[in-house]
N, C-alpha and C. Protein backbone atom coordinates (compact mmCIF):
# COMPACT_ATOMS: atom_id res chain seq x y z
N MET A 1 129.33 -168.99 199.06
CA MET A 1 128.18 -168.91 198.18
C MET A 1 127.27 -167.79 198.67
N THR A 2 126.79 -166.98 197.76
CA THR A 2 125.92 -165.87 198.13
C THR A 2 124.48 -166.36 198.31
N THR A 3 123.67 -165.52 198.91
CA THR A 3 122.26 -165.85 199.09
C THR A 3 121.58 -166.08 197.74
N THR A 4 121.91 -165.26 196.78
CA THR A 4 121.33 -165.41 195.44
C THR A 4 121.71 -166.75 194.82
N GLN A 5 122.96 -167.13 194.99
CA GLN A 5 123.41 -168.42 194.46
C GLN A 5 122.72 -169.58 195.18
N LEU A 6 122.57 -169.46 196.49
CA LEU A 6 121.89 -170.50 197.25
C LEU A 6 120.43 -170.62 196.83
N ASN A 7 119.77 -169.48 196.65
CA ASN A 7 118.38 -169.50 196.19
C ASN A 7 118.27 -170.18 194.83
N ALA A 8 119.19 -169.86 193.93
CA ALA A 8 119.18 -170.47 192.60
C ALA A 8 119.39 -171.97 192.70
N GLU A 9 120.30 -172.40 193.56
CA GLU A 9 120.55 -173.84 193.72
C GLU A 9 119.32 -174.56 194.27
N VAL A 10 118.68 -173.96 195.28
CA VAL A 10 117.48 -174.57 195.85
C VAL A 10 116.39 -174.68 194.79
N LEU A 11 116.16 -173.61 194.04
CA LEU A 11 115.13 -173.64 193.00
C LEU A 11 115.46 -174.65 191.90
N ARG A 12 116.73 -174.72 191.53
CA ARG A 12 117.15 -175.69 190.52
C ARG A 12 116.86 -177.13 191.00
N ASN A 13 117.23 -177.39 192.26
CA ASN A 13 116.97 -178.73 192.81
C ASN A 13 115.48 -179.01 192.95
N MET A 14 114.70 -177.99 193.31
CA MET A 14 113.25 -178.19 193.42
C MET A 14 112.64 -178.52 192.06
N SER A 15 113.16 -177.90 191.00
CA SER A 15 112.62 -178.19 189.67
C SER A 15 112.92 -179.63 189.26
N ILE A 16 114.02 -180.18 189.75
CA ILE A 16 114.37 -181.57 189.44
C ILE A 16 113.40 -182.54 190.12
N ILE A 17 113.03 -182.26 191.37
CA ILE A 17 112.17 -183.19 192.09
C ILE A 17 110.68 -182.87 191.95
N ALA A 18 110.34 -181.82 191.23
CA ALA A 18 108.96 -181.36 191.14
C ALA A 18 108.00 -182.41 190.58
N GLU A 19 108.50 -183.32 189.79
CA GLU A 19 107.64 -184.34 189.18
C GLU A 19 107.41 -185.54 190.09
N ASP A 20 108.13 -185.63 191.19
CA ASP A 20 108.04 -186.79 192.08
C ASP A 20 107.36 -186.38 193.39
N GLU A 21 106.10 -186.80 193.54
CA GLU A 21 105.32 -186.40 194.72
C GLU A 21 105.97 -186.86 196.02
N ASN A 22 106.54 -188.05 196.03
CA ASN A 22 107.17 -188.57 197.24
C ASN A 22 108.36 -187.70 197.65
N LEU A 23 109.18 -187.32 196.68
CA LEU A 23 110.33 -186.46 196.99
C LEU A 23 109.87 -185.08 197.46
N LEU A 24 108.81 -184.56 196.86
CA LEU A 24 108.28 -183.27 197.30
C LEU A 24 107.77 -183.34 198.73
N ARG A 25 107.12 -184.43 199.07
CA ARG A 25 106.64 -184.60 200.45
C ARG A 25 107.81 -184.63 201.43
N ARG A 26 108.86 -185.36 201.07
CA ARG A 26 110.04 -185.44 201.94
C ARG A 26 110.69 -184.06 202.09
N ALA A 27 110.78 -183.33 200.98
CA ALA A 27 111.36 -181.99 201.03
C ALA A 27 110.53 -181.07 201.91
N ALA A 28 109.21 -181.13 201.75
CA ALA A 28 108.31 -180.29 202.55
C ALA A 28 108.44 -180.63 204.03
N LYS A 29 108.53 -181.91 204.35
CA LYS A 29 108.68 -182.34 205.75
C LYS A 29 109.98 -181.80 206.34
N TYR A 30 111.05 -181.89 205.57
CA TYR A 30 112.33 -181.40 206.05
C TYR A 30 112.32 -179.88 206.21
N LEU A 31 111.69 -179.18 205.28
CA LEU A 31 111.61 -177.72 205.38
C LEU A 31 110.81 -177.30 206.61
N ARG A 32 109.71 -178.03 206.90
CA ARG A 32 108.93 -177.72 208.11
C ARG A 32 109.80 -177.91 209.35
N LYS A 33 110.63 -178.96 209.34
CA LYS A 33 111.52 -179.22 210.47
C LYS A 33 112.52 -178.07 210.63
N LEU A 34 113.09 -177.60 209.53
CA LEU A 34 114.03 -176.48 209.60
C LEU A 34 113.37 -175.22 210.14
N VAL A 35 112.16 -174.94 209.69
CA VAL A 35 111.43 -173.76 210.15
C VAL A 35 111.15 -173.87 211.65
N ALA A 36 110.74 -175.05 212.10
CA ALA A 36 110.46 -175.25 213.52
C ALA A 36 111.72 -175.04 214.36
N GLU A 37 112.86 -175.53 213.87
CA GLU A 37 114.11 -175.33 214.59
C GLU A 37 114.46 -173.85 214.68
N LYS A 38 114.27 -173.14 213.61
CA LYS A 38 114.59 -171.71 213.61
C LYS A 38 113.67 -170.96 214.57
N GLU A 39 112.40 -171.29 214.55
CA GLU A 39 111.45 -170.62 215.44
C GLU A 39 111.73 -170.96 216.89
N ALA A 40 112.23 -172.15 217.16
CA ALA A 40 112.50 -172.57 218.53
C ALA A 40 113.77 -171.93 219.09
N ASP A 41 114.63 -171.45 218.23
CA ASP A 41 115.88 -170.85 218.67
C ASP A 41 115.66 -169.39 219.04
N SER A 42 115.33 -169.17 220.31
CA SER A 42 115.01 -167.82 220.75
C SER A 42 116.23 -166.91 220.76
N ALA A 43 117.43 -167.47 220.65
CA ALA A 43 118.64 -166.65 220.61
C ALA A 43 118.68 -165.81 219.34
N GLU A 44 117.94 -166.19 218.34
CA GLU A 44 117.93 -165.44 217.09
C GLU A 44 116.95 -164.27 217.11
N LEU A 45 116.17 -164.16 218.17
CA LEU A 45 115.22 -163.05 218.27
C LEU A 45 115.93 -161.80 218.77
N THR A 46 115.54 -160.67 218.22
CA THR A 46 116.02 -159.41 218.79
C THR A 46 115.24 -159.17 220.07
N GLU A 47 115.71 -158.25 220.87
CA GLU A 47 115.01 -157.93 222.11
C GLU A 47 113.59 -157.44 221.81
N GLU A 48 113.47 -156.63 220.77
CA GLU A 48 112.16 -156.10 220.38
C GLU A 48 111.22 -157.24 219.96
N GLU A 49 111.72 -158.20 219.18
CA GLU A 49 110.89 -159.33 218.75
C GLU A 49 110.48 -160.19 219.94
N PHE A 50 111.42 -160.39 220.87
CA PHE A 50 111.12 -161.19 222.06
C PHE A 50 109.97 -160.58 222.86
N PHE A 51 110.08 -159.28 223.15
CA PHE A 51 109.04 -158.64 223.96
C PHE A 51 107.72 -158.52 223.20
N ALA A 52 107.78 -158.39 221.89
CA ALA A 52 106.55 -158.38 221.09
C ALA A 52 105.88 -159.74 221.17
N ARG A 53 106.67 -160.80 221.13
CA ARG A 53 106.12 -162.16 221.23
C ARG A 53 105.49 -162.39 222.61
N VAL A 54 106.17 -161.91 223.65
CA VAL A 54 105.62 -162.03 225.01
C VAL A 54 104.31 -161.28 225.11
N GLU A 55 104.27 -160.07 224.56
CA GLU A 55 103.05 -159.26 224.62
C GLU A 55 101.90 -159.94 223.88
N ARG A 56 102.17 -160.50 222.69
CA ARG A 56 101.12 -161.21 221.94
C ARG A 56 100.60 -162.40 222.73
N ALA A 57 101.52 -163.14 223.34
CA ALA A 57 101.10 -164.31 224.14
C ALA A 57 100.25 -163.87 225.32
N ARG A 58 100.65 -162.77 225.96
CA ARG A 58 99.88 -162.27 227.12
C ARG A 58 98.48 -161.85 226.67
N GLU A 59 98.40 -161.15 225.55
CA GLU A 59 97.10 -160.70 225.05
C GLU A 59 96.21 -161.89 224.68
N GLN A 60 96.80 -162.88 224.04
CA GLN A 60 96.02 -164.05 223.62
C GLN A 60 95.53 -164.86 224.81
N SER A 61 96.35 -164.93 225.85
CA SER A 61 95.97 -165.73 227.01
C SER A 61 95.17 -164.94 228.03
N GLY A 62 95.25 -163.61 227.93
CA GLY A 62 94.55 -162.78 228.91
C GLY A 62 95.22 -162.77 230.26
N LYS A 63 96.44 -163.25 230.35
CA LYS A 63 97.14 -163.34 231.63
C LYS A 63 97.72 -161.99 232.03
N GLN A 64 97.74 -161.77 233.32
CA GLN A 64 98.41 -160.62 233.91
C GLN A 64 99.49 -161.18 234.83
N PHE A 65 100.65 -160.58 234.84
CA PHE A 65 101.75 -161.07 235.64
C PHE A 65 102.03 -160.10 236.77
N ASP A 66 102.02 -160.63 237.98
CA ASP A 66 102.25 -159.76 239.14
C ASP A 66 103.71 -159.77 239.60
N SER A 67 104.53 -160.61 238.97
CA SER A 67 105.95 -160.62 239.30
C SER A 67 106.75 -161.17 238.13
N ILE A 68 108.03 -160.89 238.16
CA ILE A 68 108.93 -161.41 237.13
C ILE A 68 108.95 -162.93 237.16
N GLU A 69 108.85 -163.50 238.35
CA GLU A 69 108.88 -164.96 238.46
C GLU A 69 107.70 -165.59 237.73
N HIS A 70 106.52 -165.00 237.88
CA HIS A 70 105.34 -165.53 237.19
C HIS A 70 105.48 -165.37 235.67
N LEU A 71 106.02 -164.25 235.25
CA LEU A 71 106.26 -164.04 233.82
C LEU A 71 107.27 -165.06 233.31
N ASP A 72 108.33 -165.28 234.06
CA ASP A 72 109.35 -166.25 233.67
C ASP A 72 108.76 -167.66 233.56
N GLN A 73 107.93 -168.04 234.52
CA GLN A 73 107.29 -169.36 234.47
C GLN A 73 106.41 -169.48 233.23
N TYR A 74 105.68 -168.44 232.94
CA TYR A 74 104.80 -168.46 231.77
C TYR A 74 105.61 -168.60 230.49
N ILE A 75 106.67 -167.80 230.35
CA ILE A 75 107.49 -167.84 229.14
C ILE A 75 108.11 -169.23 228.98
N ARG A 76 108.60 -169.82 230.03
CA ARG A 76 109.20 -171.15 229.94
C ARG A 76 108.18 -172.21 229.56
N SER A 77 106.92 -171.97 229.85
CA SER A 77 105.88 -172.95 229.51
C SER A 77 105.46 -172.89 228.05
N LEU A 78 105.87 -171.83 227.34
CA LEU A 78 105.47 -171.68 225.93
C LEU A 78 106.17 -172.67 225.03
């Protein structure tokens, strides 16, 4: 199945449940879960995305790292 076909199927199914608030809530909850799983899977990040994320976290926290070990500990704590 192509991406276009999958998108059409998802939209078709969403139109079926659009009138049922309970089903919409369940769908939204499941979609949030899928998004969280995708974001948690760091293997899907490119090297550039990974280092950009590290840089943003460093800027937001104001932390400076004096060694790779400290950087590694910080990244694992995220």
